[in-house]
Amino acid sequence: MKPSIVFCIVLLLPGCTKQKEEATPTPSLDGVLDLQWGDSPATAKSKLLKITGIQFVTDTLDYWFVGGSYLGHAVEEWELSFWKGKYLWYARITPRQDPETADALVNELEQDLESRYGTTPQPRTWRFSVEGEERTNNVSIIYSQEAPVEIWYAASGFVDSLEHARRPTGERNSD
């Protein structure tokens, strides 16, 4: 047998004898709780109101709710925003908090989200790619000494995919 054929067989044998390793699923950010990006205002409202303790407040521009809990923390306020008034693309959750324990709340939320979405290179921000889009869907813990702790879920990549789907091929976004 030629040395080059023997070399090729030796290289291929380990691949043939190994068990196939299961692929580790990449987490995605398809929404918040049972809400999915793209839900209509009526669907999102109905889903959120099924959660114990949540009450609807108003739907002036965005939809506002109070009560309930998220990641084991009582929630002061929920805000849902809809792209073009039709498709859920953003959610903001403000946990009930005491300014003196805000740092501890941030640490707990960060641990909870890290256990859910994995570690992240950016402090308190997890990014999830959307196929074919430059911008990402993400979840962030927003906190400064002057403002309450908030958790933001934003589907910028999802919105871009909607925009691209609406536009004829080759046309660029002028927004």
N, C-alpha and C. Protein backbone atom coordinates (compact mmCIF):
# COMPACT_ATOMS: atom_id res chain seq x y z
N MET A 1 0.85 -1.17 0.00
CA MET A 1 0.00 0.00 0.00
C MET A 1 0.90 1.24 0.00
N LYS A 2 0.48 2.26 -0.74
CA LYS A 2 1.26 3.49 -0.82
C LYS A 2 1.20 4.22 0.51
N PRO A 3 2.29 4.90 0.90
CA PRO A 3 2.32 5.63 2.17
C PRO A 3 1.25 6.70 2.25
N SER A 4 0.92 7.36 1.14
CA SER A 4 -0.09 8.43 1.18
C SER A 4 -1.48 7.87 1.48
N ILE A 5 -1.78 6.66 0.97
CA ILE A 5 -3.08 6.04 1.24
C ILE A 5 -3.16 5.62 2.70
N VAL A 6 -2.08 5.05 3.23
CA VAL A 6 -2.04 4.64 4.64
C VAL A 6 -2.23 5.87 5.53
N PHE A 7 -1.57 6.97 5.18
CA PHE A 7 -1.68 8.21 5.95
C PHE A 7 -3.14 8.70 5.95
N CYS A 8 -3.81 8.65 4.80
CA CYS A 8 -5.21 9.08 4.71
C CYS A 8 -6.12 8.19 5.54
N ILE A 9 -5.89 6.89 5.50
CA ILE A 9 -6.71 5.96 6.28
C ILE A 9 -6.53 6.22 7.77
N VAL A 10 -5.29 6.45 8.20
CA VAL A 10 -5.01 6.73 9.61
C VAL A 10 -5.73 8.01 10.04
N LEU A 11 -5.78 9.00 9.19
CA LEU A 11 -6.47 10.25 9.51
C LEU A 11 -7.98 10.05 9.61
N LEU A 12 -8.54 9.19 8.79
CA LEU A 12 -9.99 9.00 8.75
C LEU A 12 -10.49 8.06 9.83
N LEU A 13 -9.68 7.12 10.28
CA LEU A 13 -10.13 6.13 11.26
C LEU A 13 -10.69 6.74 12.54
N PRO A 14 -10.02 7.69 13.17
CA PRO A 14 -10.59 8.23 14.40
C PRO A 14 -11.99 8.82 14.20
N GLY A 15 -12.23 9.44 13.07
CA GLY A 15 -13.55 10.01 12.79
C GLY A 15 -14.60 8.94 12.61
N CYS A 16 -14.20 7.78 12.12
CA CYS A 16 -15.16 6.69 11.90
C CYS A 16 -15.48 5.95 13.18
N THR A 17 -14.53 5.89 14.11
CA THR A 17 -14.74 5.10 15.30
C THR A 17 -15.32 5.89 16.46
N LYS A 18 -15.22 7.21 16.42
CA LYS A 18 -15.73 8.02 17.54
C LYS A 18 -17.24 8.08 17.52
N GLN A 19 -17.82 8.12 18.70
CA GLN A 19 -19.25 8.38 18.81
C GLN A 19 -19.50 9.83 18.42
N LYS A 20 -20.60 10.06 17.78
CA LYS A 20 -20.94 11.44 17.43
C LYS A 20 -21.25 12.21 18.70
N GLU A 21 -20.59 13.36 18.87
CA GLU A 21 -20.88 14.20 20.02
C GLU A 21 -22.11 15.03 19.71
N GLU A 22 -22.98 15.16 20.73
CA GLU A 22 -24.17 15.98 20.53
C GLU A 22 -23.77 17.44 20.50
N ALA A 23 -24.37 18.17 19.58
CA ALA A 23 -24.09 19.60 19.49
C ALA A 23 -24.72 20.30 20.68
N THR A 24 -23.98 21.23 21.24
CA THR A 24 -24.53 22.03 22.33
C THR A 24 -25.41 23.10 21.73
N PRO A 25 -26.68 23.14 22.13
CA PRO A 25 -27.56 24.14 21.52
C PRO A 25 -27.13 25.54 21.90
N THR A 26 -27.16 26.44 20.94
CA THR A 26 -26.87 27.84 21.20
C THR A 26 -28.13 28.47 21.73
N PRO A 27 -28.05 29.14 22.88
CA PRO A 27 -29.27 29.76 23.38
C PRO A 27 -29.73 30.85 22.43
N SER A 28 -31.02 31.04 22.38
CA SER A 28 -31.54 32.11 21.55
C SER A 28 -32.41 32.99 22.44
N LEU A 29 -32.70 34.13 21.95
CA LEU A 29 -33.57 35.03 22.70
C LEU A 29 -34.77 35.30 21.80
N ASP A 30 -35.79 34.47 21.96
CA ASP A 30 -36.98 34.54 21.12
C ASP A 30 -38.09 35.36 21.76
N GLY A 31 -37.84 35.91 22.92
CA GLY A 31 -38.86 36.69 23.60
C GLY A 31 -38.60 36.71 25.10
N VAL A 32 -39.64 37.02 25.85
CA VAL A 32 -39.57 37.13 27.30
C VAL A 32 -40.69 36.28 27.88
N LEU A 33 -40.38 35.45 28.86
CA LEU A 33 -41.38 34.57 29.45
C LEU A 33 -42.09 33.82 28.32
N ASP A 34 -43.43 33.86 28.27
CA ASP A 34 -44.17 33.20 27.18
C ASP A 34 -44.40 34.13 26.00
N LEU A 35 -43.93 35.36 26.10
CA LEU A 35 -44.10 36.31 25.02
C LEU A 35 -43.06 36.04 23.94
N GLN A 36 -43.48 36.08 22.70
CA GLN A 36 -42.55 35.87 21.59
C GLN A 36 -42.39 37.16 20.81
N TRP A 37 -41.17 37.39 20.30
CA TRP A 37 -40.97 38.55 19.44
C TRP A 37 -41.96 38.43 18.29
N GLY A 38 -42.63 39.52 18.00
CA GLY A 38 -43.60 39.51 16.91
C GLY A 38 -45.04 39.32 17.38
N ASP A 39 -45.23 38.99 18.67
CA ASP A 39 -46.61 38.88 19.17
C ASP A 39 -47.33 40.21 18.96
N SER A 40 -48.61 40.14 18.65
CA SER A 40 -49.41 41.35 18.51
C SER A 40 -49.65 41.94 19.90
N PRO A 41 -50.04 43.21 19.99
CA PRO A 41 -50.34 43.78 21.29
C PRO A 41 -51.40 42.98 22.06
N ALA A 42 -52.46 42.56 21.38
CA ALA A 42 -53.53 41.81 22.05
C ALA A 42 -53.02 40.47 22.57
N THR A 43 -52.22 39.78 21.79
CA THR A 43 -51.67 38.48 22.20
C THR A 43 -50.71 38.66 23.38
N ALA A 44 -49.81 39.64 23.29
CA ALA A 44 -48.85 39.88 24.37
C ALA A 44 -49.58 40.25 25.66
N LYS A 45 -50.59 41.10 25.56
CA LYS A 45 -51.35 41.51 26.74
C LYS A 45 -52.03 40.29 27.36
N SER A 46 -52.66 39.48 26.55
CA SER A 46 -53.35 38.29 27.04
C SER A 46 -52.38 37.34 27.75
N LYS A 47 -51.21 37.11 27.16
CA LYS A 47 -50.22 36.21 27.75
C LYS A 47 -49.70 36.75 29.07
N LEU A 48 -49.40 38.05 29.12
CA LEU A 48 -48.84 38.62 30.35
C LEU A 48 -49.87 38.62 31.48
N LEU A 49 -51.12 38.85 31.13
CA LEU A 49 -52.17 38.87 32.17
C LEU A 49 -52.46 37.50 32.76
N LYS A 50 -51.97 36.44 32.13
CA LYS A 50 -52.13 35.08 32.68
C LYS A 50 -51.18 34.82 33.84
N ILE A 51 -50.19 35.70 34.01
CA ILE A 51 -49.22 35.54 35.10
C ILE A 51 -49.82 36.12 36.37
N THR A 52 -49.76 35.36 37.43
CA THR A 52 -50.35 35.74 38.71
C THR A 52 -49.85 37.10 39.18
N GLY A 53 -50.80 37.95 39.53
CA GLY A 53 -50.48 39.24 40.14
C GLY A 53 -50.26 40.39 39.17
N ILE A 54 -50.23 40.12 37.86
CA ILE A 54 -49.99 41.20 36.90
C ILE A 54 -51.32 41.87 36.55
N GLN A 55 -51.28 43.19 36.54
CA GLN A 55 -52.46 43.98 36.19
C GLN A 55 -52.11 44.94 35.06
N PHE A 56 -53.03 45.09 34.14
CA PHE A 56 -52.86 46.01 33.01
C PHE A 56 -53.13 47.43 33.49
N VAL A 57 -52.30 48.39 33.05
CA VAL A 57 -52.47 49.78 33.45
C VAL A 57 -52.96 50.63 32.29
N THR A 58 -52.20 50.65 31.19
CA THR A 58 -52.57 51.50 30.07
C THR A 58 -51.90 51.04 28.78
N ASP A 59 -52.44 51.51 27.67
CA ASP A 59 -51.86 51.20 26.37
C ASP A 59 -51.74 52.47 25.53
N THR A 60 -51.26 53.55 26.15
CA THR A 60 -51.16 54.82 25.43
C THR A 60 -50.29 54.67 24.18
N LEU A 61 -49.00 54.52 24.33
CA LEU A 61 -48.13 54.26 23.21
C LEU A 61 -47.59 52.83 23.33
N ASP A 62 -47.08 52.52 24.51
CA ASP A 62 -46.65 51.17 24.83
C ASP A 62 -47.69 50.58 25.78
N TYR A 63 -47.53 49.30 26.10
CA TYR A 63 -48.44 48.67 27.06
C TYR A 63 -47.73 48.62 28.41
N TRP A 64 -48.40 49.06 29.47
CA TRP A 64 -47.84 49.13 30.80
C TRP A 64 -48.63 48.22 31.74
N PHE A 65 -47.90 47.53 32.60
CA PHE A 65 -48.48 46.61 33.57
C PHE A 65 -47.78 46.83 34.90
N VAL A 66 -48.39 46.38 35.98
CA VAL A 66 -47.77 46.39 37.31
C VAL A 66 -47.97 45.02 37.94
N GLY A 67 -47.13 44.73 38.93
CA GLY A 67 -47.30 43.53 39.73
C GLY A 67 -46.61 42.30 39.16
N GLY A 68 -46.90 41.17 39.78
CA GLY A 68 -46.30 39.91 39.37
C GLY A 68 -44.86 39.80 39.85
N SER A 69 -44.16 38.82 39.31
CA SER A 69 -42.75 38.66 39.67
C SER A 69 -41.97 38.16 38.46
N TYR A 70 -40.67 38.37 38.52
CA TYR A 70 -39.77 37.91 37.47
C TYR A 70 -38.49 37.45 38.13
N LEU A 71 -38.07 36.24 37.83
CA LEU A 71 -36.88 35.63 38.43
C LEU A 71 -36.93 35.67 39.96
N GLY A 72 -38.14 35.52 40.50
CA GLY A 72 -38.31 35.48 41.94
C GLY A 72 -38.35 36.83 42.61
N HIS A 73 -38.35 37.90 41.85
CA HIS A 73 -38.38 39.26 42.40
C HIS A 73 -39.70 39.92 42.06
N ALA A 74 -40.32 40.56 43.06
CA ALA A 74 -41.56 41.30 42.80
C ALA A 74 -41.27 42.39 41.77
N VAL A 75 -42.24 42.59 40.87
CA VAL A 75 -42.07 43.58 39.80
C VAL A 75 -42.92 44.81 40.09
N GLU A 76 -42.28 45.96 39.97
CA GLU A 76 -42.95 47.25 40.12
C GLU A 76 -43.69 47.59 38.83
N GLU A 77 -43.01 47.38 37.68
CA GLU A 77 -43.57 47.85 36.41
C GLU A 77 -43.05 47.02 35.23
N TRP A 78 -43.93 46.78 34.28
CA TRP A 78 -43.60 46.12 33.03
C TRP A 78 -43.95 47.09 31.90
N GLU A 79 -43.12 47.16 30.90
CA GLU A 79 -43.43 47.94 29.70
C GLU A 79 -43.19 47.06 28.48
N LEU A 80 -44.17 46.99 27.60
CA LEU A 80 -44.02 46.27 26.33
C LEU A 80 -44.13 47.27 25.20
N SER A 81 -43.22 47.18 24.25
CA SER A 81 -43.23 48.09 23.11
C SER A 81 -43.38 47.28 21.83
N PHE A 82 -44.10 47.87 20.87
CA PHE A 82 -44.44 47.16 19.63
C PHE A 82 -43.93 47.94 18.43
N TRP A 83 -43.16 47.26 17.59
CA TRP A 83 -42.64 47.86 16.38
C TRP A 83 -43.80 48.19 15.45
N LYS A 84 -43.86 49.44 15.02
CA LYS A 84 -44.93 49.94 14.16
C LYS A 84 -46.30 49.69 14.77
N GLY A 85 -46.34 49.55 16.11
CA GLY A 85 -47.60 49.33 16.82
C GLY A 85 -48.18 47.94 16.63
N LYS A 86 -47.42 47.02 16.01
CA LYS A 86 -47.97 45.71 15.64
C LYS A 86 -47.23 44.51 16.23
N TYR A 87 -45.91 44.61 16.39
CA TYR A 87 -45.11 43.44 16.72
C TYR A 87 -44.27 43.69 17.97
N LEU A 88 -44.39 42.82 18.97
CA LEU A 88 -43.59 42.95 20.18
C LEU A 88 -42.11 42.89 19.82
N TRP A 89 -41.36 43.90 20.29
CA TRP A 89 -39.93 43.90 20.03
C TRP A 89 -39.11 44.31 21.25
N TYR A 90 -39.75 44.80 22.31
CA TYR A 90 -39.02 45.31 23.46
C TYR A 90 -39.84 45.11 24.73
N ALA A 91 -39.17 44.73 25.79
CA ALA A 91 -39.81 44.61 27.10
C ALA A 91 -38.85 45.17 28.15
N ARG A 92 -39.40 45.95 29.05
CA ARG A 92 -38.62 46.48 30.17
C ARG A 92 -39.29 46.05 31.45
N ILE A 93 -38.51 45.50 32.36
CA ILE A 93 -39.01 45.00 33.64
C ILE A 93 -38.28 45.76 34.74
N THR A 94 -39.05 46.39 35.62
CA THR A 94 -38.46 47.11 36.75
C THR A 94 -38.85 46.39 38.04
N PRO A 95 -37.92 45.68 38.64
CA PRO A 95 -38.24 44.99 39.90
C PRO A 95 -38.50 46.01 41.01
N ARG A 96 -39.36 45.63 41.97
CA ARG A 96 -39.55 46.45 43.17
C ARG A 96 -38.22 46.41 43.92
N GLN A 97 -37.77 47.56 44.42
CA GLN A 97 -36.44 47.59 45.02
C GLN A 97 -36.30 48.68 46.07
N ASP A 98 -35.34 48.45 46.90
CA ASP A 98 -34.93 49.40 47.92
C ASP A 98 -33.57 49.93 47.47
N PRO A 99 -33.40 51.24 47.37
CA PRO A 99 -32.12 51.78 46.90
C PRO A 99 -30.91 51.26 47.68
N GLU A 100 -31.11 50.94 48.94
CA GLU A 100 -29.99 50.46 49.75
C GLU A 100 -29.56 49.04 49.40
N THR A 101 -30.43 48.27 48.76
CA THR A 101 -30.09 46.90 48.41
C THR A 101 -30.01 46.69 46.89
N ALA A 102 -29.94 47.78 46.13
CA ALA A 102 -29.92 47.68 44.67
C ALA A 102 -28.71 46.89 44.17
N ASP A 103 -27.54 47.09 44.77
CA ASP A 103 -26.36 46.34 44.33
C ASP A 103 -26.56 44.84 44.49
N ALA A 104 -27.15 44.43 45.60
CA ALA A 104 -27.42 43.00 45.82
C ALA A 104 -28.43 42.48 44.79
N LEU A 105 -29.45 43.29 44.48
CA LEU A 105 -30.44 42.91 43.47
C LEU A 105 -29.77 42.72 42.12
N VAL A 106 -28.91 43.63 41.73
CA VAL A 106 -28.20 43.52 40.45
C VAL A 106 -27.39 42.23 40.41
N ASN A 107 -26.66 41.93 41.49
CA ASN A 107 -25.86 40.70 41.54
C ASN A 107 -26.73 39.45 41.42
N GLU A 108 -27.86 39.44 42.10
CA GLU A 108 -28.78 38.29 42.01
C GLU A 108 -29.32 38.13 40.59
N LEU A 109 -29.76 39.23 40.00
CA LEU A 109 -30.30 39.17 38.63
C LEU A 109 -29.23 38.71 37.65
N GLU A 110 -28.02 39.21 37.83
CA GLU A 110 -26.93 38.83 36.95
C GLU A 110 -26.66 37.32 37.06
N GLN A 111 -26.67 36.78 38.27
CA GLN A 111 -26.47 35.34 38.45
C GLN A 111 -27.62 34.55 37.83
N ASP A 112 -28.86 35.03 38.02
CA ASP A 112 -30.02 34.35 37.44
C ASP A 112 -29.95 34.32 35.91
N LEU A 113 -29.62 35.45 35.32
CA LEU A 113 -29.56 35.52 33.86
C LEU A 113 -28.36 34.75 33.33
N GLU A 114 -27.26 34.76 34.06
CA GLU A 114 -26.09 33.99 33.65
C GLU A 114 -26.39 32.49 33.68
N SER A 115 -27.15 32.04 34.67
CA SER A 115 -27.50 30.62 34.71
C SER A 115 -28.46 30.26 33.57
N ARG A 116 -29.21 31.21 33.12
CA ARG A 116 -30.16 30.99 32.03
C ARG A 116 -29.50 31.09 30.66
N TYR A 117 -28.61 32.09 30.47
CA TYR A 117 -28.06 32.37 29.15
C TYR A 117 -26.56 32.14 29.03
N GLY A 118 -25.88 31.80 30.13
CA GLY A 118 -24.44 31.57 30.07
C GLY A 118 -23.66 32.84 30.38
N THR A 119 -22.33 32.69 30.42
CA THR A 119 -21.49 33.85 30.71
C THR A 119 -21.45 34.77 29.50
N THR A 120 -21.07 35.99 29.74
CA THR A 120 -21.05 36.98 28.67
C THR A 120 -19.79 37.83 28.77
N PRO A 121 -19.20 38.20 27.62
CA PRO A 121 -18.00 39.04 27.68
C PRO A 121 -18.31 40.48 28.07
N GLN A 122 -19.54 40.91 27.85
CA GLN A 122 -19.92 42.27 28.21
C GLN A 122 -20.61 42.26 29.56
N PRO A 123 -20.24 43.14 30.45
CA PRO A 123 -20.91 43.15 31.75
C PRO A 123 -22.42 43.37 31.60
N ARG A 124 -23.18 42.45 32.18
CA ARG A 124 -24.64 42.55 32.28
C ARG A 124 -25.38 42.65 30.95
N THR A 125 -24.77 42.19 29.86
CA THR A 125 -25.44 42.21 28.56
C THR A 125 -25.19 40.89 27.85
N TRP A 126 -26.26 40.25 27.41
CA TRP A 126 -26.19 39.01 26.67
C TRP A 126 -26.71 39.29 25.27
N ARG A 127 -25.95 38.90 24.25
CA ARG A 127 -26.32 39.14 22.85
C ARG A 127 -26.58 37.82 22.14
N PHE A 128 -27.60 37.83 21.29
CA PHE A 128 -27.99 36.64 20.55
C PHE A 128 -28.13 37.01 19.08
N SER A 129 -27.35 36.36 18.23
CA SER A 129 -27.38 36.72 16.82
C SER A 129 -28.69 36.29 16.17
N VAL A 130 -29.03 37.01 15.14
CA VAL A 130 -30.20 36.70 14.32
C VAL A 130 -29.67 36.45 12.93
N GLU A 131 -29.97 35.28 12.39
CA GLU A 131 -29.42 34.88 11.11
C GLU A 131 -29.64 35.95 10.05
N GLY A 132 -28.54 36.35 9.42
CA GLY A 132 -28.61 37.31 8.34
C GLY A 132 -28.68 38.76 8.77
N GLU A 133 -28.61 39.02 10.06
CA GLU A 133 -28.74 40.40 10.55
C GLU A 133 -27.49 40.80 11.31
N GLU A 134 -27.13 42.08 11.17
CA GLU A 134 -25.96 42.60 11.88
C GLU A 134 -26.27 42.86 13.35
N ARG A 135 -27.41 43.50 13.61
CA ARG A 135 -27.76 43.78 15.01
C ARG A 135 -28.28 42.51 15.67
N THR A 136 -28.26 42.51 16.99
CA THR A 136 -28.59 41.31 17.75
C THR A 136 -29.84 41.52 18.60
N ASN A 137 -30.41 40.43 19.06
CA ASN A 137 -31.40 40.48 20.13
C ASN A 137 -30.58 40.44 21.41
N ASN A 138 -31.01 41.16 22.44
CA ASN A 138 -30.21 41.12 23.66
C ASN A 138 -31.05 41.33 24.90
N VAL A 139 -30.45 40.96 26.02
CA VAL A 139 -31.02 41.22 27.33
C VAL A 139 -29.93 41.91 28.15
N SER A 140 -30.33 42.96 28.86
CA SER A 140 -29.36 43.74 29.63
C SER A 140 -29.94 44.09 30.99
N ILE A 141 -29.06 44.16 31.97
CA ILE A 141 -29.43 44.71 33.27
C ILE A 141 -28.91 46.14 33.27
N ILE A 142 -29.81 47.09 33.39
CA ILE A 142 -29.45 48.50 33.36
C ILE A 142 -29.50 49.01 34.80
N TYR A 143 -28.40 49.65 35.20
CA TYR A 143 -28.35 50.13 36.58
C TYR A 143 -27.37 51.27 36.72
N SER A 144 -27.80 52.32 37.37
CA SER A 144 -26.91 53.41 37.77
C SER A 144 -27.41 53.89 39.13
N GLN A 145 -26.58 54.60 39.83
CA GLN A 145 -26.97 55.07 41.17
C GLN A 145 -28.17 56.00 41.13
N GLU A 146 -28.41 56.66 40.00
CA GLU A 146 -29.49 57.65 39.90
C GLU A 146 -30.81 57.06 39.42
N ALA A 147 -30.83 55.82 38.99
CA ALA A 147 -32.04 55.24 38.42
C ALA A 147 -32.27 53.84 38.97
N PRO A 148 -33.50 53.36 38.89
CA PRO A 148 -33.77 52.00 39.40
C PRO A 148 -33.15 50.93 38.51
N VAL A 149 -32.98 49.75 39.08
CA VAL A 149 -32.51 48.59 38.32
C VAL A 149 -33.61 48.20 37.33
N GLU A 150 -33.21 47.94 36.09
CA GLU A 150 -34.16 47.51 35.07
C GLU A 150 -33.55 46.37 34.27
N ILE A 151 -34.41 45.52 33.74
CA ILE A 151 -33.98 44.46 32.84
C ILE A 151 -34.62 44.80 31.49
N TRP A 152 -33.79 44.94 30.48
CA TRP A 152 -34.28 45.27 29.14
C TRP A 152 -34.10 44.08 28.22
N TYR A 153 -35.16 43.73 27.54
CA TYR A 153 -35.12 42.73 26.47
C TYR A 153 -35.40 43.48 25.18
N ALA A 154 -34.48 43.41 24.23
CA ALA A 154 -34.67 44.13 22.98
C ALA A 154 -34.38 43.21 21.80
N ALA A 155 -35.24 43.28 20.81
CA ALA A 155 -35.11 42.42 19.63
C ALA A 155 -34.75 43.25 18.41
N SER A 156 -33.63 43.95 18.47
CA SER A 156 -33.20 44.78 17.35
C SER A 156 -32.95 43.94 16.10
N GLY A 157 -32.34 42.78 16.27
CA GLY A 157 -32.11 41.89 15.12
C GLY A 157 -33.41 41.40 14.52
N PHE A 158 -34.38 41.11 15.36
CA PHE A 158 -35.70 40.69 14.89
C PHE A 158 -36.34 41.80 14.07
N VAL A 159 -36.29 43.04 14.57
CA VAL A 159 -36.86 44.18 13.84
C VAL A 159 -36.17 44.33 12.49
N ASP A 160 -34.84 44.22 12.47
CA ASP A 160 -34.12 44.31 11.20
C ASP A 160 -34.59 43.24 10.22
N SER A 161 -34.83 42.02 10.74
CA SER A 161 -35.29 40.95 9.85
C SER A 161 -36.67 41.28 9.28
N LEU A 162 -37.53 41.91 10.09
CA LEU A 162 -38.85 42.33 9.58
C LEU A 162 -38.68 43.40 8.50
N GLU A 163 -37.80 44.36 8.76
CA GLU A 163 -37.55 45.42 7.78
C GLU A 163 -37.03 44.83 6.47
N HIS A 164 -36.08 43.91 6.56
CA HIS A 164 -35.52 43.31 5.35
C HIS A 164 -36.57 42.49 4.61
N ALA A 165 -37.46 41.85 5.32
CA ALA A 165 -38.50 41.06 4.68
C ALA A 165 -39.48 41.95 3.92
N ARG A 166 -39.66 43.18 4.38
CA ARG A 166 -40.61 44.11 3.76
C ARG A 166 -40.01 44.82 2.55
N ARG A 167 -38.70 44.87 2.45
CA ARG A 167 -38.02 45.66 1.44
C ARG A 167 -37.69 44.81 0.22
N PRO A 168 -37.83 45.36 -0.99
CA PRO A 168 -37.38 44.61 -2.17
C PRO A 168 -35.89 44.32 -2.07
N THR A 169 -35.45 43.22 -2.65
CA THR A 169 -34.05 42.80 -2.61
C THR A 169 -33.14 43.92 -3.09
N GLY A 170 -32.07 44.15 -2.33
CA GLY A 170 -31.07 45.13 -2.72
C GLY A 170 -31.33 46.52 -2.19
N GLU A 171 -32.53 46.82 -1.76
CA GLU A 171 -32.83 48.16 -1.26
C GLU A 171 -32.31 48.30 0.16
N ARG A 172 -31.67 49.42 0.48
CA ARG A 172 -31.10 49.65 1.80
C ARG A 172 -32.07 50.39 2.68
N ASN A 173 -31.90 50.24 3.98
CA ASN A 173 -32.73 50.91 4.97
C ASN A 173 -32.35 52.39 5.03
N SER A 174 -33.31 53.29 4.90
CA SER A 174 -33.03 54.72 4.94
C SER A 174 -33.46 55.32 6.26
N ASP A 175 -33.89 54.49 7.24
CA ASP A 175 -34.33 54.99 8.55
C ASP A 175 -33.21 55.63 9.29
